[in-house]
């Protein structure tokens, strides 16, 4: 029997459903972050499945923290 190491789970939220879970940023702000992900430090927070963009909730919040530490 093989044991799989437990990894902390994260939630992947589709862009249109983000505001059901978080008040900020609004959907338009998210799309702006996605469009500029290569230059704004949020690239690791967005995952693509086909044309759909999912937000890795834990990584998104970590990106915010990294941005705040650099300021």
Protein backbone atom coordinates (compact mmCIF):
# COMPACT_ATOMS: atom_id res chain seq x y z
CA UNK A 1 0.00 0.00 0.00
CA UNK A 2 1.42 3.38 -1.03
CA UNK A 3 1.11 6.41 1.20
CA UNK A 4 0.66 9.77 -0.46
CA UNK A 5 2.08 12.73 1.43
CA UNK A 6 -0.64 15.10 2.52
CA UNK A 7 -0.38 18.45 0.82
CA UNK A 8 -2.24 21.48 2.06
CA UNK A 9 -5.32 21.79 -0.10
CA UNK A 10 -6.06 24.91 -2.04
CA UNK A 11 -9.21 26.08 -3.70
CA UNK A 12 -9.29 26.84 -7.42
CA UNK A 13 -11.94 29.47 -8.08
CA UNK A 14 -13.16 30.42 -11.57
CA UNK A 15 -12.95 34.17 -12.24
CA UNK A 16 -16.76 34.70 -12.42
CA UNK A 17 -17.19 33.05 -8.99
CA UNK A 18 -14.34 34.90 -7.18
CA UNK A 19 -16.63 37.52 -5.64
CA UNK A 20 -18.82 34.84 -4.06
CA UNK A 21 -15.81 34.10 -1.83
CA UNK A 22 -13.91 37.42 -1.66
CA UNK A 23 -15.00 41.05 -1.89
CA UNK A 24 -11.74 42.25 -3.43
CA UNK A 25 -10.72 42.56 -6.21
CA UNK A 26 -13.85 42.88 -8.32
CA UNK A 27 -14.04 40.79 -11.48
CA UNK A 28 -12.75 43.63 -13.68
CA UNK A 29 -9.75 44.06 -11.40
CA UNK A 30 -9.04 40.34 -11.59
CA UNK A 31 -9.14 40.40 -15.36
CA UNK A 32 -6.67 43.30 -15.32
CA UNK A 33 -4.32 41.27 -13.08
CA UNK A 34 -4.68 38.26 -15.41
CA UNK A 35 -3.97 40.36 -18.51
CA UNK A 36 -0.78 41.77 -16.95
CA UNK A 37 0.23 38.63 -15.01
CA UNK A 38 3.69 38.40 -16.59
CA UNK A 39 4.72 41.81 -15.28
CA UNK A 40 2.80 42.21 -12.01
CA UNK A 41 3.94 39.17 -10.00
CA UNK A 42 0.61 37.30 -10.05
CA UNK A 43 1.42 34.75 -12.76
CA UNK A 44 1.75 31.88 -10.26
CA UNK A 45 -1.79 32.51 -8.94
CA UNK A 46 -3.59 31.83 -12.22
CA UNK A 47 -4.04 28.36 -13.70
CA UNK A 48 -5.49 27.65 -17.11
CA UNK A 49 -7.66 24.72 -18.13
CA UNK A 50 -8.39 25.18 -21.80
CA UNK A 51 -9.71 28.72 -22.10
CA UNK A 52 -10.88 28.85 -18.49
CA UNK A 53 -8.79 30.71 -15.92
CA UNK A 54 -8.85 29.45 -12.35
CA UNK A 55 -7.47 31.37 -9.40
CA UNK A 56 -5.35 29.44 -6.92
CA UNK A 57 -6.76 31.09 -3.81
CA UNK A 58 -3.82 30.34 -1.53
CA UNK A 59 -1.22 31.49 -4.09
CA UNK A 60 -3.21 34.65 -4.89
CA UNK A 61 -3.17 35.65 -1.22
CA UNK A 62 0.55 34.79 -1.04
CA UNK A 63 1.20 37.07 -4.04
CA UNK A 64 -0.56 39.89 -2.23
CA UNK A 65 1.62 39.30 0.83
CA UNK A 66 4.80 39.29 -1.27
CA UNK A 67 3.76 42.57 -2.90
CA UNK A 68 3.12 44.13 0.52
CA UNK A 69 6.51 43.02 1.85
CA UNK A 70 8.28 44.60 -1.12
CA UNK A 71 6.57 47.96 -0.67
